[in-house]
Amino acid sequence: MSLLTLFGAAAVSIMLLAYALEARSHLWVLIFAFACAASSLYGWLSGTWPFGVVEGIWALVALRRWWRLRLSFVPPDEPASMVE
């Protein structure tokens, strides 16, 4: 098994894990975005550019979702009324 194949397998495995845990924290959404970017890189490096394009788009969508969730995050110790 090549190093590139191991990289791709790790990227999609992390994507799956992060997707399953997204409801727990906005940080899992960020991890999902980075895993999508890694998966996109794998697609480009392996010569499957359509996969690279689609995963790159998913990375941008997830990054935008993380940004919006981060802005609306209320820390557990802070009352919701203090958030602007």
N, C-alpha and C. Protein backbone atom coordinates (compact mmCIF):
# COMPACT_ATOMS: atom_id res chain seq x y z
N MET A 1 0.85 -1.18 0.00
CA MET A 1 0.00 0.00 0.00
C MET A 1 0.90 1.24 0.00
N SER A 2 0.58 2.17 -0.87
CA SER A 2 1.44 3.36 -1.00
C SER A 2 1.14 4.38 0.10
N LEU A 3 2.07 5.29 0.28
CA LEU A 3 1.92 6.36 1.25
C LEU A 3 0.73 7.26 0.88
N LEU A 4 0.54 7.48 -0.41
CA LEU A 4 -0.58 8.30 -0.87
C LEU A 4 -1.92 7.65 -0.52
N THR A 5 -2.00 6.34 -0.69
CA THR A 5 -3.23 5.61 -0.33
C THR A 5 -3.50 5.70 1.17
N LEU A 6 -2.47 5.57 1.97
CA LEU A 6 -2.62 5.68 3.43
C LEU A 6 -3.09 7.09 3.81
N PHE A 7 -2.52 8.11 3.15
CA PHE A 7 -2.93 9.49 3.39
C PHE A 7 -4.42 9.68 3.07
N GLY A 8 -4.86 9.17 1.93
CA GLY A 8 -6.27 9.27 1.54
C GLY A 8 -7.19 8.55 2.50
N ALA A 9 -6.78 7.36 2.90
CA ALA A 9 -7.59 6.58 3.84
C ALA A 9 -7.69 7.29 5.19
N ALA A 10 -6.59 7.88 5.64
CA ALA A 10 -6.62 8.62 6.90
C ALA A 10 -7.52 9.85 6.79
N ALA A 11 -7.44 10.56 5.66
CA ALA A 11 -8.26 11.76 5.48
C ALA A 11 -9.75 11.43 5.52
N VAL A 12 -10.17 10.41 4.80
CA VAL A 12 -11.60 10.10 4.79
C VAL A 12 -12.05 9.48 6.10
N SER A 13 -11.15 8.78 6.80
CA SER A 13 -11.50 8.24 8.12
C SER A 13 -11.73 9.36 9.12
N ILE A 14 -10.87 10.37 9.09
CA ILE A 14 -11.04 11.52 9.98
C ILE A 14 -12.31 12.28 9.61
N MET A 15 -12.59 12.38 8.30
CA MET A 15 -13.84 13.02 7.88
C MET A 15 -15.05 12.33 8.49
N LEU A 16 -15.06 11.02 8.42
CA LEU A 16 -16.18 10.24 8.96
C LEU A 16 -16.32 10.45 10.46
N LEU A 17 -15.22 10.37 11.18
CA LEU A 17 -15.24 10.57 12.63
C LEU A 17 -15.73 11.97 12.99
N ALA A 18 -15.18 12.98 12.31
CA ALA A 18 -15.55 14.36 12.61
C ALA A 18 -17.02 14.61 12.28
N TYR A 19 -17.50 14.05 11.18
CA TYR A 19 -18.90 14.22 10.80
C TYR A 19 -19.81 13.62 11.87
N ALA A 20 -19.42 12.46 12.39
CA ALA A 20 -20.23 11.80 13.42
C ALA A 20 -20.26 12.59 14.72
N LEU A 21 -19.22 13.37 14.99
CA LEU A 21 -19.11 14.09 16.26
C LEU A 21 -19.42 15.58 16.15
N GLU A 22 -19.85 16.05 14.97
CA GLU A 22 -20.09 17.47 14.76
C GLU A 22 -21.07 18.10 15.75
N ALA A 23 -22.05 17.36 16.21
CA ALA A 23 -23.05 17.91 17.12
C ALA A 23 -22.47 18.21 18.51
N ARG A 24 -21.32 17.65 18.82
CA ARG A 24 -20.73 17.83 20.15
C ARG A 24 -20.02 19.17 20.32
N SER A 25 -19.44 19.69 19.24
CA SER A 25 -18.68 20.93 19.35
C SER A 25 -18.43 21.51 17.96
N HIS A 26 -18.36 22.82 17.90
CA HIS A 26 -18.05 23.47 16.62
C HIS A 26 -16.63 23.13 16.16
N LEU A 27 -15.78 22.69 17.07
CA LEU A 27 -14.42 22.32 16.69
C LEU A 27 -14.40 21.07 15.81
N TRP A 28 -15.37 20.19 15.98
CA TRP A 28 -15.45 19.02 15.11
C TRP A 28 -15.81 19.42 13.69
N VAL A 29 -16.55 20.50 13.54
CA VAL A 29 -16.86 21.01 12.20
C VAL A 29 -15.57 21.51 11.55
N LEU A 30 -14.72 22.17 12.33
CA LEU A 30 -13.44 22.64 11.81
C LEU A 30 -12.54 21.47 11.42
N ILE A 31 -12.52 20.45 12.25
CA ILE A 31 -11.74 19.25 11.93
C ILE A 31 -12.27 18.62 10.66
N PHE A 32 -13.59 18.58 10.51
CA PHE A 32 -14.20 18.05 9.29
C PHE A 32 -13.74 18.86 8.08
N ALA A 33 -13.70 20.18 8.20
CA ALA A 33 -13.26 21.04 7.09
C ALA A 33 -11.81 20.72 6.70
N PHE A 34 -10.93 20.58 7.68
CA PHE A 34 -9.54 20.25 7.38
C PHE A 34 -9.41 18.86 6.77
N ALA A 35 -10.22 17.91 7.23
CA ALA A 35 -10.19 16.56 6.67
C ALA A 35 -10.68 16.58 5.22
N CYS A 36 -11.69 17.40 4.93
CA CYS A 36 -12.16 17.55 3.55
C CYS A 36 -11.05 18.14 2.68
N ALA A 37 -10.33 19.12 3.21
CA ALA A 37 -9.22 19.72 2.46
C ALA A 37 -8.13 18.68 2.20
N ALA A 38 -7.85 17.86 3.19
CA ALA A 38 -6.85 16.80 3.01
C ALA A 38 -7.33 15.78 1.98
N SER A 39 -8.61 15.47 2.01
CA SER A 39 -9.18 14.55 1.04
C SER A 39 -9.13 15.15 -0.37
N SER A 40 -9.34 16.45 -0.48
CA SER A 40 -9.23 17.14 -1.76
C SER A 40 -7.80 17.05 -2.28
N LEU A 41 -6.84 17.29 -1.40
CA LEU A 41 -5.44 17.17 -1.78
C LEU A 41 -5.14 15.76 -2.28
N TYR A 42 -5.66 14.78 -1.59
CA TYR A 42 -5.48 13.39 -2.03
C TYR A 42 -6.05 13.20 -3.44
N GLY A 43 -7.23 13.75 -3.68
CA GLY A 43 -7.83 13.63 -5.01
C GLY A 43 -6.95 14.23 -6.09
N TRP A 44 -6.42 15.41 -5.83
CA TRP A 44 -5.54 16.06 -6.81
C TRP A 44 -4.26 15.27 -7.01
N LEU A 45 -3.65 14.82 -5.92
CA LEU A 45 -2.38 14.09 -6.02
C LEU A 45 -2.54 12.73 -6.69
N SER A 46 -3.70 12.12 -6.53
CA SER A 46 -3.92 10.80 -7.12
C SER A 46 -4.42 10.88 -8.56
N GLY A 47 -4.66 12.11 -9.03
CA GLY A 47 -5.08 12.28 -10.42
C GLY A 47 -6.57 12.21 -10.65
N THR A 48 -7.34 12.21 -9.59
CA THR A 48 -8.80 12.19 -9.72
C THR A 48 -9.32 13.59 -9.40
N TRP A 49 -9.10 14.50 -10.36
CA TRP A 49 -9.42 15.90 -10.12
C TRP A 49 -10.90 16.16 -9.81
N PRO A 50 -11.88 15.40 -10.37
CA PRO A 50 -13.27 15.68 -9.95
C PRO A 50 -13.47 15.48 -8.45
N PHE A 51 -12.85 14.44 -7.90
CA PHE A 51 -12.91 14.19 -6.46
C PHE A 51 -12.25 15.34 -5.70
N GLY A 52 -11.12 15.80 -6.22
CA GLY A 52 -10.41 16.92 -5.59
C GLY A 52 -11.25 18.19 -5.58
N VAL A 53 -11.96 18.45 -6.66
CA VAL A 53 -12.80 19.65 -6.75
C VAL A 53 -13.96 19.56 -5.76
N VAL A 54 -14.66 18.44 -5.77
CA VAL A 54 -15.83 18.28 -4.90
C VAL A 54 -15.43 18.35 -3.43
N GLU A 55 -14.36 17.69 -3.06
CA GLU A 55 -13.91 17.72 -1.66
C GLU A 55 -13.43 19.11 -1.28
N GLY A 56 -12.84 19.83 -2.22
CA GLY A 56 -12.44 21.21 -1.95
C GLY A 56 -13.64 22.10 -1.67
N ILE A 57 -14.70 21.90 -2.44
CA ILE A 57 -15.94 22.65 -2.20
C ILE A 57 -16.52 22.30 -0.84
N TRP A 58 -16.53 21.01 -0.49
CA TRP A 58 -17.02 20.60 0.82
C TRP A 58 -16.20 21.23 1.94
N ALA A 59 -14.89 21.35 1.72
CA ALA A 59 -14.03 21.97 2.74
C ALA A 59 -14.43 23.43 2.95
N LEU A 60 -14.71 24.14 1.86
CA LEU A 60 -15.13 25.55 1.99
C LEU A 60 -16.49 25.67 2.66
N VAL A 61 -17.42 24.79 2.30
CA VAL A 61 -18.75 24.79 2.93
C VAL A 61 -18.64 24.53 4.43
N ALA A 62 -17.83 23.54 4.80
CA ALA A 62 -17.66 23.20 6.22
C ALA A 62 -16.95 24.33 6.97
N LEU A 63 -15.98 24.97 6.32
CA LEU A 63 -15.29 26.08 6.96
C LEU A 63 -16.25 27.24 7.21
N ARG A 64 -17.11 27.51 6.25
CA ARG A 64 -18.13 28.56 6.43
C ARG A 64 -19.08 28.18 7.56
N ARG A 65 -19.50 26.91 7.62
CA ARG A 65 -20.40 26.46 8.68
C ARG A 65 -19.73 26.59 10.05
N TRP A 66 -18.44 26.24 10.13
CA TRP A 66 -17.70 26.38 11.38
C TRP A 66 -17.65 27.85 11.79
N TRP A 67 -17.36 28.75 10.85
CA TRP A 67 -17.26 30.17 11.14
C TRP A 67 -18.57 30.69 11.74
N ARG A 68 -19.70 30.29 11.14
CA ARG A 68 -21.00 30.74 11.63
C ARG A 68 -21.32 30.14 13.00
N LEU A 69 -20.99 28.87 13.21
CA LEU A 69 -21.22 28.24 14.51
C LEU A 69 -20.34 28.86 15.58
N ARG A 70 -19.10 29.18 15.25
CA ARG A 70 -18.17 29.77 16.20
C ARG A 70 -18.68 31.13 16.67
N LEU A 71 -19.23 31.89 15.76
CA LEU A 71 -19.74 33.21 16.12
C LEU A 71 -20.96 33.13 17.02
N SER A 72 -21.73 32.05 16.92
CA SER A 72 -22.93 31.91 17.74
C SER A 72 -22.70 31.06 18.99
N PHE A 73 -21.46 30.64 19.23
CA PHE A 73 -21.14 29.78 20.37
C PHE A 73 -21.27 30.55 21.68
N VAL A 74 -21.95 29.96 22.65
CA VAL A 74 -22.09 30.53 23.98
C VAL A 74 -21.34 29.62 24.95
N PRO A 75 -20.27 30.11 25.57
CA PRO A 75 -19.55 29.28 26.53
C PRO A 75 -20.47 28.85 27.68
N PRO A 76 -20.29 27.66 28.22
CA PRO A 76 -21.17 27.15 29.28
C PRO A 76 -21.25 28.04 30.52
N ASP A 77 -20.19 28.75 30.86
CA ASP A 77 -20.17 29.56 32.08
C ASP A 77 -20.74 30.95 31.87
N GLU A 78 -21.03 31.31 30.64
CA GLU A 78 -21.49 32.66 30.35
C GLU A 78 -22.99 32.65 30.04
N PRO A 79 -23.76 33.51 30.69
CA PRO A 79 -25.21 33.56 30.41
C PRO A 79 -25.45 33.97 28.95
N ALA A 80 -26.50 33.45 28.36
CA ALA A 80 -26.81 33.72 26.98
C ALA A 80 -27.13 35.19 26.74
N SER A 81 -27.61 35.91 27.74
CA SER A 81 -27.97 37.31 27.59
C SER A 81 -26.76 38.21 27.38
N MET A 82 -25.56 37.73 27.71
CA MET A 82 -24.35 38.54 27.56
C MET A 82 -23.79 38.45 26.15
N VAL A 83 -24.27 37.53 25.33
CA VAL A 83 -23.77 37.37 23.98
C VAL A 83 -24.46 38.37 23.07
N GLU A 84 -23.68 39.03 22.24
CA GLU A 84 -24.24 40.05 21.33
C GLU A 84 -24.65 39.42 20.03
